Amino acid sequence: MSIFSPTRSAVVSAMAVVLSLTMHGQSVRDTEAKPGTLIGTVTDANSDPVPNATVVLETVKGDDPSTLVTPGNGFFEFHDVKPGVAYEIKITAKDFADWTSPAIALEPGQFKIVTGIQLRIEAARTTVDVHYDPEEVATEQFKAEEKQRVFGIIPNFYVSYESDAAPLTTKMKFELAIRVSVDPVTAAGVGLVSASRQATNSPKYGQGWGAYGERFGATAADGFSDIMIGGAILPSLLRQDPRYFYQGTGTTGSRIRHAMFSPFVAKGDSGKWQPNYSSLGGDLASSALSNLYYPQSNRGAGLVFGNFAIGTAERVGASLAQEFIVGKFTRRGGHMK
């Protein structure tokens, strides 16, 4: 009789089967849970390795990131990568465009080499800092206007050839007025006007060098008071631009209207057109001040308003000349307009 009974043999066989199944199940679970490995080399478009590149391994959802930096050979290696999970590899490096891999999912225990990692040179990034400073723009335009001379000789500072010129500051308005007043050509012009007045005995100072000197002083005072009041003081107080704005384009009729109305319409420092109180006020104030130094026979309200009308008419004529003649012969920055 066998020492093992049939019942005992069956029990042993059953235990063997159970043990085998248990070990098989454990083996399956161990295989399923075994992590994988990802390796690769970061290169550029010439297939040269890229050192100091930052390599990030994370799930597609952005979870569980792992980061490393490539050495001189551009190689990277990630261990313990969970199988069955979708990952992405993101690579950044200085002077290169960012690189992102397609989704990668490893099998349990898989060893995968990521290929095709080539970084492209980053497109040039140009940053333009647009900073508009009206005073800086006005300063540059002002410097150009100070060089404007008809035939390169006669000052033509009070004309703007910029359609969208920045407004002058108070300092610029006074500098421009003084610059015109002390210019040698202005002094020569005063001398010529005084000589013509000497010939007509206007104002009635008489004849001779003494009378000429008085006429020269009166003419210079007329011009100085007019330019300072109408070109600097009132424009600063009223925030108006004392310059003539050259149109240069459009129909002849529109240019004539623009020139003829310029003594009566001025551009404000705000850029809007408005009544030209500065120019009209300057002419009227200059005419009134002449009562202080003109001879008695040339004083009175009638002469004041008469001189005001003459001064305004002269401005209309000067504006027409600027629009159709003078602008063509004005040198600006060494070049003829």
C-alpha atoms as a PDB file:
ATOM      1  CA  MET A   1       0.000   0.000   0.000  1.00  0.00           C
ATOM      2  CA  SER A   2       1.360   3.462  -1.042  1.00  0.00           C
ATOM      3  CA  ILE A   3       2.222   5.802   1.784  1.00  0.00           C
ATOM      4  CA  PHE A   4       0.274   8.502  -0.118  1.00  0.00           C
ATOM      5  CA  SER A   5      -3.383   8.068  -0.191  1.00  0.00           C
ATOM      6  CA  PRO A   6      -5.351   9.228  -3.266  1.00  0.00           C
ATOM      7  CA  THR A   7      -6.835  11.986  -1.205  1.00  0.00           C
ATOM      8  CA  ARG A   8      -3.445  13.225  -0.069  1.00  0.00           C
ATOM      9  CA  SER A   9      -2.095  13.090  -3.647  1.00  0.00           C
ATOM     10  CA  ALA A  10      -5.003  15.173  -4.897  1.00  0.00           C
ATOM     11  CA  VAL A  11      -4.357  17.770  -2.231  1.00  0.00           C
ATOM     12  CA  VAL A  12      -0.705  17.983  -3.180  1.00  0.00           C
ATOM     13  CA  SER A  13      -1.567  18.299  -6.861  1.00  0.00           C
ATOM     14  CA  ALA A  14      -4.065  21.065  -6.108  1.00  0.00           C
ATOM     15  CA  MET A  15      -1.515  22.926  -4.051  1.00  0.00           C
ATOM     16  CA  ALA A  16       0.998  22.687  -6.880  1.00  0.00           C
ATOM     17  CA  VAL A  17      -1.523  24.084  -9.331  1.00  0.00           C
ATOM     18  CA  VAL A  18      -2.381  26.959  -6.982  1.00  0.00           C
ATOM     19  CA  LEU A  19       1.301  27.733  -6.419  1.00  0.00           C
ATOM     20  CA  SER A  20       1.946  27.686 -10.147  1.00  0.00           C
ATOM     21  CA  LEU A  21      -0.948  30.031 -10.848  1.00  0.00           C
ATOM     22  CA  THR A  22       0.102  32.338  -8.053  1.00  0.00           C
ATOM     23  CA  MET A  23       3.639  32.524  -9.338  1.00  0.00           C
ATOM     24  CA  HIS A  24       2.398  33.092 -12.895  1.00  0.00           C
ATOM     25  CA  GLY A  25       0.078  35.890 -11.770  1.00  0.00           C
ATOM     26  CA  GLN A  26       2.854  37.520  -9.812  1.00  0.00           C
ATOM     27  CA  SER A  27       5.091  37.248 -12.868  1.00  0.00           C
ATOM     28  CA  VAL A  28       2.444  38.920 -15.059  1.00  0.00           C
ATOM     29  CA  ARG A  29       1.944  41.707 -12.567  1.00  0.00           C
ATOM     30  CA  ASP A  30       5.691  42.227 -12.226  1.00  0.00           C
ATOM     31  CA  THR A  31       6.038  42.375 -16.001  1.00  0.00           C
ATOM     32  CA  GLU A  32       3.139  44.818 -16.358  1.00  0.00           C
ATOM     33  CA  ALA A  33       4.504  47.166 -13.679  1.00  0.00           C
ATOM     34  CA  LYS A  34       8.111  47.163 -14.852  1.00  0.00           C
ATOM     35  CA  PRO A  35       9.062  50.767 -15.884  1.00  0.00           C
ATOM     36  CA  GLY A  36      10.715  51.638 -19.157  1.00  0.00           C
ATOM     37  CA  THR A  37      13.636  53.805 -20.255  1.00  0.00           C
ATOM     38  CA  LEU A  38      13.822  56.689 -22.721  1.00  0.00           C
ATOM     39  CA  ILE A  39      17.082  57.901 -24.196  1.00  0.00           C
ATOM     40  CA  GLY A  40      18.030  60.310 -26.965  1.00  0.00           C
ATOM     41  CA  THR A  41      20.547  62.852 -28.208  1.00  0.00           C
ATOM     42  CA  VAL A  42      19.782  66.516 -28.788  1.00  0.00           C
ATOM     43  CA  THR A  43      21.342  67.754 -32.026  1.00  0.00           C
ATOM     44  CA  ASP A  44      21.129  70.819 -34.249  1.00  0.00           C
ATOM     45  CA  ALA A  45      20.318  71.012 -37.940  1.00  0.00           C
ATOM     46  CA  ASN A  46      23.883  69.934 -38.753  1.00  0.00           C
ATOM     47  CA  SER A  47      23.529  66.852 -36.505  1.00  0.00           C
ATOM     48  CA  ASP A  48      26.005  68.326 -34.018  1.00  0.00           C
ATOM     49  CA  PRO A  49      25.210  67.686 -30.344  1.00  0.00           C
ATOM     50  CA  VAL A  50      23.625  70.551 -28.391  1.00  0.00           C
ATOM     51  CA  PRO A  51      24.963  70.880 -24.833  1.00  0.00           C
ATOM     52  CA  ASN A  52      23.138  72.642 -21.993  1.00  0.00           C
ATOM     53  CA  ALA A  53      19.741  71.932 -23.494  1.00  0.00           C
ATOM     54  CA  THR A  54      16.922  71.568 -20.976  1.00  0.00           C
ATOM     55  CA  VAL A  55      14.971  68.336 -21.508  1.00  0.00           C
ATOM     56  CA  VAL A  56      11.636  67.890 -19.759  1.00  0.00           C
ATOM     57  CA  LEU A  57       9.704  64.605 -19.716  1.00  0.00           C
ATOM     58  CA  GLU A  58       6.093  64.988 -18.652  1.00  0.00           C
ATOM     59  CA  THR A  59       2.733  63.443 -19.339  1.00  0.00           C
ATOM     60  CA  VAL A  60       0.625  64.885 -22.125  1.00  0.00           C
ATOM     61  CA  LYS A  61      -1.506  66.423 -19.394  1.00  0.00           C
ATOM     62  CA  GLY A  62       1.561  68.144 -17.954  1.00  0.00           C
ATOM     63  CA  ASP A  63       1.860  65.889 -14.870  1.00  0.00           C
ATOM     64  CA  ASP A  64       4.928  64.321 -13.256  1.00  0.00           C
ATOM     65  CA  PRO A  65       7.641  66.359 -14.995  1.00  0.00           C
ATOM     66  CA  SER A  66      11.253  65.215 -14.888  1.00  0.00           C
ATOM     67  CA  THR A  67      13.980  67.622 -15.984  1.00  0.00           C
ATOM     68  CA  LEU A  68      17.633  67.285 -16.889  1.00  0.00           C
ATOM     69  CA  VAL A  69      20.283  69.254 -18.784  1.00  0.00           C
ATOM     70  CA  THR A  70      22.306  67.693 -21.575  1.00  0.00           C
ATOM     71  CA  PRO A  71      26.102  67.408 -21.248  1.00  0.00           C
ATOM     72  CA  GLY A  72      28.569  68.169 -24.026  1.00  0.00           C
ATOM     73  CA  ASN A  73      27.467  65.192 -26.129  1.00  0.00           C
ATOM     74  CA  GLY A  74      23.781  66.239 -26.004  1.00  0.00           C
ATOM     75  CA  PHE A  75      22.731  62.852 -24.544  1.00  0.00           C
ATOM     76  CA  PHE A  76      19.837  62.394 -22.120  1.00  0.00           C
ATOM     77  CA  GLU A  77      18.324  59.341 -20.402  1.00  0.00           C
ATOM     78  CA  PHE A  78      15.141  58.959 -18.381  1.00  0.00           C
ATOM     79  CA  HIS A  79      14.644  55.851 -16.208  1.00  0.00           C
ATOM     80  CA  ASP A  80      11.563  54.591 -14.383  1.00  0.00           C
ATOM     81  CA  VAL A  81       9.168  55.744 -17.087  1.00  0.00           C
ATOM     82  CA  LYS A  82       5.698  54.418 -16.333  1.00  0.00           C
ATOM     83  CA  PRO A  83       4.379  52.094 -19.042  1.00  0.00           C
ATOM     84  CA  GLY A  84       1.052  52.746 -20.721  1.00  0.00           C
ATOM     85  CA  VAL A  85       1.174  56.491 -20.021  1.00  0.00           C
ATOM     86  CA  ALA A  86       1.368  59.077 -22.809  1.00  0.00           C
ATOM     87  CA  TYR A  87       4.451  61.270 -22.371  1.00  0.00           C
ATOM     88  CA  GLU A  88       5.947  64.239 -24.226  1.00  0.00           C
ATOM     89  CA  ILE A  89       9.550  65.367 -24.365  1.00  0.00           C
ATOM     90  CA  LYS A  90      10.030  69.150 -24.473  1.00  0.00           C
ATOM     91  CA  ILE A  91      13.446  70.610 -25.209  1.00  0.00           C
ATOM     92  CA  THR A  92      14.630  74.212 -24.936  1.00  0.00           C
ATOM     93  CA  ALA A  93      18.071  75.631 -25.639  1.00  0.00           C
ATOM     94  CA  LYS A  94      19.543  79.088 -26.064  1.00  0.00           C
ATOM     95  CA  ASP A  95      19.380  80.456 -29.616  1.00  0.00           C
ATOM     96  CA  PHE A  96      17.241  77.491 -30.729  1.00  0.00           C
ATOM     97  CA  ALA A  97      13.525  77.135 -31.288  1.00  0.00           C
ATOM     98  CA  ASP A  98      11.683  74.940 -28.799  1.00  0.00           C
ATOM     99  CA  TRP A  99      11.160  71.295 -29.728  1.00  0.00           C
ATOM    100  CA  THR A 100       8.335  68.983 -28.590  1.00  0.00           C
ATOM    101  CA  SER A 101       8.048  65.291 -29.395  1.00  0.00           C
ATOM    102  CA  PRO A 102       4.886  63.474 -30.404  1.00  0.00           C
ATOM    103  CA  ALA A 103       3.143  61.524 -27.620  1.00  0.00           C
ATOM    104  CA  ILE A 104       5.193  58.529 -26.453  1.00  0.00           C
ATOM    105  CA  ALA A 105       3.794  55.527 -24.545  1.00  0.00           C
ATOM    106  CA  LEU A 106       6.150  52.687 -23.499  1.00  0.00           C
ATOM    107  CA  GLU A 107       5.460  49.003 -23.082  1.00  0.00           C
ATOM    108  CA  PRO A 108       6.384  47.500 -19.703  1.00  0.00           C
ATOM    109  CA  GLY A 109      10.148  47.362 -19.419  1.00  0.00           C
ATOM    110  CA  GLN A 110      10.633  48.883 -22.895  1.00  0.00           C
ATOM    111  CA  PHE A 111      13.941  50.590 -23.737  1.00  0.00           C
ATOM    112  CA  LYS A 112      13.213  53.256 -26.359  1.00  0.00           C
ATOM    113  CA  ILE A 113      15.559  55.516 -28.279  1.00  0.00           C
ATOM    114  CA  VAL A 114      13.945  58.813 -29.279  1.00  0.00           C
ATOM    115  CA  THR A 115      15.222  59.787 -32.711  1.00  0.00           C
ATOM    116  CA  GLY A 116      14.899  62.846 -34.930  1.00  0.00           C
ATOM    117  CA  ILE A 117      15.683  65.437 -32.268  1.00  0.00           C
ATOM    118  CA  GLN A 118      17.084  68.336 -34.294  1.00  0.00           C
ATOM    119  CA  LEU A 119      16.751  71.880 -33.001  1.00  0.00           C
ATOM    120  CA  ARG A 120      16.319  74.687 -35.496  1.00  0.00           C
ATOM    121  CA  ILE A 121      17.915  78.096 -35.118  1.00  0.00           C
ATOM    122  CA  GLU A 122      15.399  80.428 -33.525  1.00  0.00           C
ATOM    123  CA  ALA A 123      13.957  83.026 -35.865  1.00  0.00           C
ATOM    124  CA  ALA A 124      15.250  86.503 -35.125  1.00  0.00           C
ATOM    125  CA  ARG A 125      13.102  88.343 -32.634  1.00  0.00           C
ATOM    126  CA  THR A 126      12.985  92.055 -33.235  1.00  0.00           C
ATOM    127  CA  THR A 127      11.498  94.217 -30.540  1.00  0.00           C
ATOM    128  CA  VAL A 128      10.556  97.716 -31.599  1.00  0.00           C
ATOM    129  CA  ASP A 129       9.961 100.112 -28.777  1.00  0.00           C
ATOM    130  CA  VAL A 130       7.713 102.770 -30.223  1.00  0.00           C
ATOM    131  CA  HIS A 131       8.115 105.775 -28.035  1.00  0.00           C
ATOM    132  CA  TYR A 132       6.664 109.055 -29.281  1.00  0.00           C
ATOM    133  CA  ASP A 133       7.886 112.137 -27.490  1.00  0.00           C
ATOM    134  CA  PRO A 134       6.387 115.300 -29.064  1.00  0.00           C
ATOM    135  CA  GLU A 135       9.143 117.469 -27.624  1.00  0.00           C
ATOM    136  CA  GLU A 136      11.881 115.283 -29.111  1.00  0.00           C
ATOM    137  CA  VAL A 137      10.163 115.342 -32.507  1.00  0.00           C
ATOM    138  CA  ALA A 138       9.652 119.117 -32.267  1.00  0.00           C
ATOM    139  CA  THR A 139      13.330 119.569 -31.396  1.00  0.00           C
ATOM    140  CA  GLU A 140      14.479 117.690 -34.495  1.00  0.00           C
ATOM    141  CA  GLN A 141      12.062 119.600 -36.721  1.00  0.00           C
ATOM    142  CA  PHE A 142      13.081 122.880 -35.069  1.00  0.00           C
ATOM    143  CA  LYS A 143      16.746 122.214 -35.825  1.00  0.00           C
ATOM    144  CA  ALA A 144      15.864 121.642 -39.475  1.00  0.00           C
ATOM    145  CA  GLU A 145      13.789 124.822 -39.661  1.00  0.00           C
ATOM    146  CA  GLU A 146      16.667 126.889 -38.243  1.00  0.00           C
ATOM    147  CA  LYS A 147      18.661 125.936 -41.348  1.00  0.00           C
ATOM    148  CA  GLN A 148      16.007 126.990 -43.845  1.00  0.00           C
ATOM    149  CA  ARG A 149      17.185 129.880 -46.011  1.00  0.00           C
ATOM    150  CA  VAL A 150      15.990 131.158 -49.367  1.00  0.00           C
ATOM    151  CA  PHE A 151      18.847 130.650 -51.826  1.00  0.00           C
ATOM    152  CA  GLY A 152      20.801 129.570 -48.754  1.00  0.00           C
ATOM    153  CA  ILE A 153      20.931 133.212 -47.546  1.00  0.00           C
ATOM    154  CA  ILE A 154      17.611 134.764 -46.483  1.00  0.00           C
ATOM    155  CA  PRO A 155      16.125 133.304 -43.248  1.00  0.00           C
ATOM    156  CA  ASN A 156      12.950 131.309 -43.769  1.00  0.00           C
ATOM    157  CA  PHE A 157      12.629 129.886 -40.273  1.00  0.00           C
ATOM    158  CA  TYR A 158       8.897 130.438 -39.778  1.00  0.00           C
ATOM    159  CA  VAL A 159       7.778 127.850 -42.336  1.00  0.00           C
ATOM    160  CA  SER A 160       7.061 124.199 -41.644  1.00  0.00           C
ATOM    161  CA  TYR A 161       7.276 121.763 -44.525  1.00  0.00           C
ATOM    162  CA  GLU A 162       6.025 118.938 -42.278  1.00  0.00           C
ATOM    163  CA  SER A 163       2.307 118.312 -42.668  1.00  0.00           C
ATOM    164  CA  ASP A 164       2.092 116.800 -39.177  1.00  0.00           C
ATOM    165  CA  ALA A 165       4.727 118.926 -37.437  1.00  0.00           C
ATOM    166  CA  ALA A 166       4.935 118.602 -33.661  1.00  0.00           C
ATOM    167  CA  PRO A 167       4.004 121.805 -31.778  1.00  0.00           C
ATOM    168  CA  LEU A 168       6.789 124.118 -30.691  1.00  0.00           C
ATOM    169  CA  THR A 169       7.505 124.511 -27.009  1.00  0.00           C
ATOM    170  CA  THR A 170       7.448 127.979 -25.426  1.00  0.00           C
ATOM    171  CA  LYS A 171      11.243 127.985 -25.366  1.00  0.00           C
ATOM    172  CA  MET A 172      11.388 127.175 -29.079  1.00  0.00           C
ATOM    173  CA  LYS A 173       8.950 129.977 -29.929  1.00  0.00           C
ATOM    174  CA  PHE A 174      11.124 132.546 -28.167  1.00  0.00           C
ATOM    175  CA  GLU A 175      14.348 131.100 -29.576  1.00  0.00           C
ATOM    176  CA  LEU A 176      12.937 131.266 -33.089  1.00  0.00           C
ATOM    177  CA  ALA A 177      11.810 134.878 -32.661  1.00  0.00           C
ATOM    178  CA  ILE A 178      15.188 135.960 -31.310  1.00  0.00           C
ATOM    179  CA  ARG A 179      17.047 133.993 -33.958  1.00  0.00           C
ATOM    180  CA  VAL A 180      15.185 135.844 -36.720  1.00  0.00           C
ATOM    181  CA  SER A 181      15.589 139.229 -35.013  1.00  0.00           C
ATOM    182  CA  VAL A 182      19.377 139.052 -34.612  1.00  0.00           C
ATOM    183  CA  ASP A 183      20.150 137.407 -37.955  1.00  0.00           C
ATOM    184  CA  PRO A 184      22.539 139.561 -40.028  1.00  0.00           C
ATOM    185  CA  VAL A 185      20.269 139.274 -43.056  1.00  0.00           C
ATOM    186  CA  THR A 186      17.404 140.694 -40.972  1.00  0.00           C
ATOM    187  CA  ALA A 187      19.575 143.671 -40.064  1.00  0.00           C
ATOM    188  CA  ALA A 188      20.425 144.173 -43.724  1.00  0.00           C
ATOM    189  CA  GLY A 189      16.715 144.041 -44.569  1.00  0.00           C
ATOM    190  CA  VAL A 190      15.983 146.673 -41.941  1.00  0.00           C
ATOM    191  CA  GLY A 191      18.595 148.872 -43.567  1.00  0.00           C
ATOM    192  CA  LEU A 192      17.032 148.506 -47.010  1.00  0.00           C
ATOM    193  CA  VAL A 193      13.520 149.194 -45.747  1.00  0.00           C
ATOM    194  CA  SER A 194      14.778 152.236 -43.850  1.00  0.00           C
ATOM    195  CA  ALA A 195      16.411 153.511 -47.027  1.00  0.00           C
ATOM    196  CA  SER A 196      13.176 153.151 -48.988  1.00  0.00           C
ATOM    197  CA  ARG A 197      11.293 154.963 -46.240  1.00  0.00           C
ATOM    198  CA  GLN A 198      13.934 157.660 -46.280  1.00  0.00           C
ATOM    199  CA  ALA A 199      13.130 158.268 -49.931  1.00  0.00           C
ATOM    200  CA  THR A 200       9.408 158.740 -49.142  1.00  0.00           C
ATOM    201  CA  ASN A 201      10.011 160.512 -45.801  1.00  0.00           C
ATOM    202  CA  SER A 202       7.940 157.914 -43.936  1.00  0.00           C
ATOM    203  CA  PRO A 203       7.695 158.254 -41.000  1.00  0.00           C
ATOM    204  CA  LYS A 204       8.215 162.006 -41.155  1.00  0.00           C
ATOM    205  CA  TYR A 205      11.592 162.249 -39.451  1.00  0.00           C
ATOM    206  CA  GLY A 206      12.966 164.464 -42.201  1.00  0.00           C
ATOM    207  CA  GLN A 207      16.116 163.832 -44.197  1.00  0.00           C
ATOM    208  CA  GLY A 208      19.786 163.321 -43.417  1.00  0.00           C
ATOM    209  CA  TRP A 209      21.752 160.680 -41.601  1.00  0.00           C
ATOM    210  CA  GLY A 210      20.111 161.523 -38.283  1.00  0.00           C
ATOM    211  CA  ALA A 211      16.666 160.976 -39.769  1.00  0.00           C
ATOM    212  CA  TYR A 212      17.869 157.771 -41.390  1.00  0.00           C
ATOM    213  CA  GLY A 213      19.115 156.542 -38.023  1.00  0.00           C
ATOM    214  CA  GLU A 214      15.706 157.243 -36.475  1.00  0.00           C
ATOM    215  CA  ARG A 215      13.978 155.428 -39.311  1.00  0.00           C
ATOM    216  CA  PHE A 216      16.357 152.504 -38.930  1.00  0.00           C
ATOM    217  CA  GLY A 217      15.577 152.319 -35.200  1.00  0.00           C
ATOM    218  CA  ALA A 218      11.833 152.638 -35.778  1.00  0.00           C
ATOM    219  CA  THR A 219      11.858 149.969 -38.495  1.00  0.00           C
ATOM    220  CA  ALA A 220      13.899 147.619 -36.298  1.00  0.00           C
ATOM    221  CA  ALA A 221      11.548 148.270 -33.357  1.00  0.00           C
ATOM    222  CA  ASP A 222       8.509 147.577 -35.567  1.00  0.00           C
ATOM    223  CA  GLY A 223       9.928 144.257 -36.691  1.00  0.00           C
ATOM    224  CA  PHE A 224      11.189 143.229 -33.259  1.00  0.00           C
ATOM    225  CA  SER A 225       7.914 144.019 -31.463  1.00  0.00           C
ATOM    226  CA  ASP A 226       5.912 142.286 -34.171  1.00  0.00           C
ATOM    227  CA  ILE A 227       8.020 139.129 -34.157  1.00  0.00           C
ATOM    228  CA  MET A 228       8.271 138.925 -30.368  1.00  0.00           C
ATOM    229  CA  ILE A 229       4.589 139.610 -29.676  1.00  0.00           C
ATOM    230  CA  GLY A 230       3.069 137.804 -32.657  1.00  0.00           C
ATOM    231  CA  GLY A 231       5.692 135.063 -32.928  1.00  0.00           C
ATOM    232  CA  ALA A 232       6.545 134.260 -29.305  1.00  0.00           C
ATOM    233  CA  ILE A 233       4.577 135.970 -26.530  1.00  0.00           C
ATOM    234  CA  LEU A 234       1.002 135.554 -27.792  1.00  0.00           C
ATOM    235  CA  PRO A 235       1.605 132.095 -29.325  1.00  0.00           C
ATOM    236  CA  SER A 236       2.961 130.936 -25.963  1.00  0.00           C
ATOM    237  CA  LEU A 237       0.063 132.424 -23.980  1.00  0.00           C
ATOM    238  CA  LEU A 238      -2.606 131.301 -26.441  1.00  0.00           C
ATOM    239  CA  ARG A 239      -0.932 127.974 -27.278  1.00  0.00           C
ATOM    240  CA  GLN A 240      -0.826 128.657 -31.000  1.00  0.00           C
ATOM    241  CA  ASP A 241       1.788 127.814 -33.607  1.00  0.00           C
ATOM    242  CA  PRO A 242       3.292 130.952 -35.248  1.00  0.00           C
ATOM    243  CA  ARG A 243       4.612 129.127 -38.314  1.00  0.00           C
ATOM    244  CA  TYR A 244       3.216 129.013 -41.828  1.00  0.00           C
ATOM    245  CA  PHE A 245       2.364 125.417 -42.771  1.00  0.00           C
ATOM    246  CA  TYR A 246       3.291 124.810 -46.381  1.00  0.00           C
ATOM    247  CA  GLN A 247       0.596 122.865 -48.253  1.00  0.00           C
ATOM    248  CA  GLY A 248       2.418 122.212 -51.511  1.00  0.00           C
ATOM    249  CA  THR A 249      -0.202 119.796 -52.900  1.00  0.00           C
ATOM    250  CA  GLY A 250      -3.785 119.972 -54.080  1.00  0.00           C
ATOM    251  CA  THR A 251      -5.414 122.272 -56.572  1.00  0.00           C
ATOM    252  CA  THR A 252      -4.123 125.782 -57.183  1.00  0.00           C
ATOM    253  CA  GLY A 253      -7.348 127.162 -55.739  1.00  0.00           C
ATOM    254  CA  SER A 254      -6.998 125.213 -52.499  1.00  0.00           C
ATOM    255  CA  ARG A 255      -3.395 126.370 -52.106  1.00  0.00           C
ATOM    256  CA  ILE A 256      -4.387 130.007 -52.707  1.00  0.00           C
ATOM    257  CA  ARG A 257      -7.124 129.755 -50.091  1.00  0.00           C
ATOM    258  CA  HIS A 258      -4.726 128.094 -47.647  1.00  0.00           C
ATOM    259  CA  ALA A 259      -2.170 130.882 -48.083  1.00  0.00           C
ATOM    260  CA  MET A 260      -4.637 133.774 -47.944  1.00  0.00           C
ATOM    261  CA  PHE A 261      -6.348 132.514 -44.815  1.00  0.00           C
ATOM    262  CA  SER A 262      -3.138 131.706 -42.938  1.00  0.00           C
ATOM    263  CA  PRO A 263      -2.897 135.183 -41.301  1.00  0.00           C
ATOM    264  CA  PHE A 264      -6.404 134.619 -39.951  1.00  0.00           C
ATOM    265  CA  VAL A 265      -6.286 130.891 -39.115  1.00  0.00           C
ATOM    266  CA  ALA A 266      -3.557 129.258 -37.026  1.00  0.00           C
ATOM    267  CA  LYS A 267      -2.844 125.731 -35.911  1.00  0.00           C
ATOM    268  CA  GLY A 268      -3.118 125.373 -32.161  1.00  0.00           C
ATOM    269  CA  ASP A 269      -0.605 123.412 -30.121  1.00  0.00           C
ATOM    270  CA  SER A 270      -3.376 120.802 -29.884  1.00  0.00           C
ATOM    271  CA  GLY A 271      -3.187 120.348 -33.670  1.00  0.00           C
ATOM    272  CA  LYS A 272      -6.590 121.926 -34.309  1.00  0.00           C
ATOM    273  CA  TRP A 273      -7.102 124.974 -36.505  1.00  0.00           C
ATOM    274  CA  GLN A 274      -8.399 128.117 -34.786  1.00  0.00           C
ATOM    275  CA  PRO A 275      -8.563 131.907 -35.251  1.00  0.00           C
ATOM    276  CA  ASN A 276      -5.064 133.348 -35.524  1.00  0.00           C
ATOM    277  CA  TYR A 277      -5.232 135.679 -32.555  1.00  0.00           C
ATOM    278  CA  SER A 278      -1.451 135.604 -32.242  1.00  0.00           C
ATOM    279  CA  SER A 279      -0.649 136.971 -35.690  1.00  0.00           C
ATOM    280  CA  LEU A 280      -3.446 139.546 -35.710  1.00  0.00           C
ATOM    281  CA  GLY A 281      -2.684 140.554 -32.146  1.00  0.00           C
ATOM    282  CA  GLY A 282       1.004 140.903 -32.929  1.00  0.00           C
ATOM    283  CA  ASP A 283       0.330 143.209 -35.888  1.00  0.00           C
ATOM    284  CA  LEU A 284      -2.110 145.317 -33.879  1.00  0.00           C
ATOM    285  CA  ALA A 285       0.173 145.529 -30.815  1.00  0.00           C
ATOM    286  CA  SER A 286       3.189 146.443 -32.940  1.00  0.00           C
ATOM    287  CA  SER A 287       1.203 149.183 -34.668  1.00  0.00           C
ATOM    288  CA  ALA A 288       0.026 150.531 -31.312  1.00  0.00           C
ATOM    289  CA  LEU A 289       3.543 150.525 -29.847  1.00  0.00           C
ATOM    290  CA  SER A 290       4.807 152.576 -32.772  1.00  0.00           C
ATOM    291  CA  ASN A 291       2.873 155.504 -31.287  1.00  0.00           C
ATOM    292  CA  LEU A 292       5.550 155.654 -28.613  1.00  0.00           C
ATOM    293  CA  TYR A 293       8.445 156.423 -30.956  1.00  0.00           C
ATOM    294  CA  TYR A 294       6.946 157.669 -34.256  1.00  0.00           C
ATOM    295  CA  PRO A 295       6.901 161.430 -34.817  1.00  0.00           C
ATOM    296  CA  GLN A 296       3.752 163.246 -33.691  1.00  0.00           C
ATOM    297  CA  SER A 297       2.497 163.550 -37.251  1.00  0.00           C
ATOM    298  CA  ASN A 298       2.541 159.757 -37.609  1.00  0.00           C
ATOM    299  CA  ARG A 299       0.577 158.926 -34.468  1.00  0.00           C
ATOM    300  CA  GLY A 300      -3.100 158.319 -33.805  1.00  0.00           C
ATOM    301  CA  ALA A 301      -5.704 155.589 -34.001  1.00  0.00           C
ATOM    302  CA  GLY A 302      -6.097 155.990 -37.750  1.00  0.00           C
ATOM    303  CA  LEU A 303      -2.435 155.319 -38.379  1.00  0.00           C
ATOM    304  CA  VAL A 304      -2.455 152.408 -35.940  1.00  0.00           C
ATOM    305  CA  PHE A 305      -5.248 150.627 -37.787  1.00  0.00           C
ATOM    306  CA  GLY A 306      -3.798 151.670 -41.125  1.00  0.00           C
ATOM    307  CA  ASN A 307      -0.456 150.087 -40.253  1.00  0.00           C
ATOM    308  CA  PHE A 308      -2.312 147.041 -38.909  1.00  0.00           C
ATOM    309  CA  ALA A 309      -4.117 146.628 -42.240  1.00  0.00           C
ATOM    310  CA  ILE A 310      -0.871 147.048 -44.153  1.00  0.00           C
ATOM    311  CA  GLY A 311       0.875 144.520 -41.937  1.00  0.00           C
ATOM    312  CA  THR A 312      -1.904 141.973 -42.406  1.00  0.00           C
ATOM    313  CA  ALA A 313      -1.915 142.485 -46.170  1.00  0.00           C
ATOM    314  CA  GLU A 314       1.834 141.945 -46.202  1.00  0.00           C
ATOM    315  CA  ARG A 315       1.340 138.646 -44.386  1.00  0.00           C
ATOM    316  CA  VAL A 316      -1.164 137.506 -47.007  1.00  0.00           C
ATOM    317  CA  GLY A 317       1.294 138.363 -49.760  1.00  0.00           C
ATOM    318  CA  ALA A 318       4.143 136.648 -47.923  1.00  0.00           C
ATOM    319  CA  SER A 319       2.049 133.492 -47.466  1.00  0.00           C
ATOM    320  CA  LEU A 320       1.199 133.380 -51.182  1.00  0.00           C
ATOM    321  CA  ALA A 321       4.879 133.782 -51.997  1.00  0.00           C
ATOM    322  CA  GLN A 322       5.755 130.979 -49.558  1.00  0.00           C
ATOM    323  CA  GLU A 323       3.231 128.616 -51.117  1.00  0.00           C
ATOM    324  CA  PHE A 324       4.101 129.184 -54.771  1.00  0.00           C
ATOM    325  CA  ILE A 325       7.571 130.706 -54.998  1.00  0.00           C
ATOM    326  CA  VAL A 326       9.737 130.825 -51.889  1.00  0.00           C
ATOM    327  CA  GLY A 327       9.359 127.148 -51.037  1.00  0.00           C
ATOM    328  CA  LYS A 328      10.998 126.169 -54.320  1.00  0.00           C
ATOM    329  CA  PHE A 329      14.132 128.144 -53.508  1.00  0.00           C
ATOM    330  CA  THR A 330      14.457 127.318 -49.832  1.00  0.00           C
ATOM    331  CA  ARG A 331      17.453 125.319 -48.788  1.00  0.00           C
ATOM    332  CA  ARG A 332      16.766 122.965 -45.934  1.00  0.00           C
ATOM    333  CA  GLY A 333      19.647 121.063 -44.374  1.00  0.00           C
ATOM    334  CA  GLY A 334      21.828 121.992 -47.348  1.00  0.00           C
ATOM    335  CA  HIS A 335      19.315 120.854 -49.992  1.00  0.00           C
ATOM    336  CA  MET A 336      16.890 122.883 -52.115  1.00  0.00           C
ATOM    337  CA  LYS A 337      13.235 122.076 -51.481  1.00  0.00           C
END
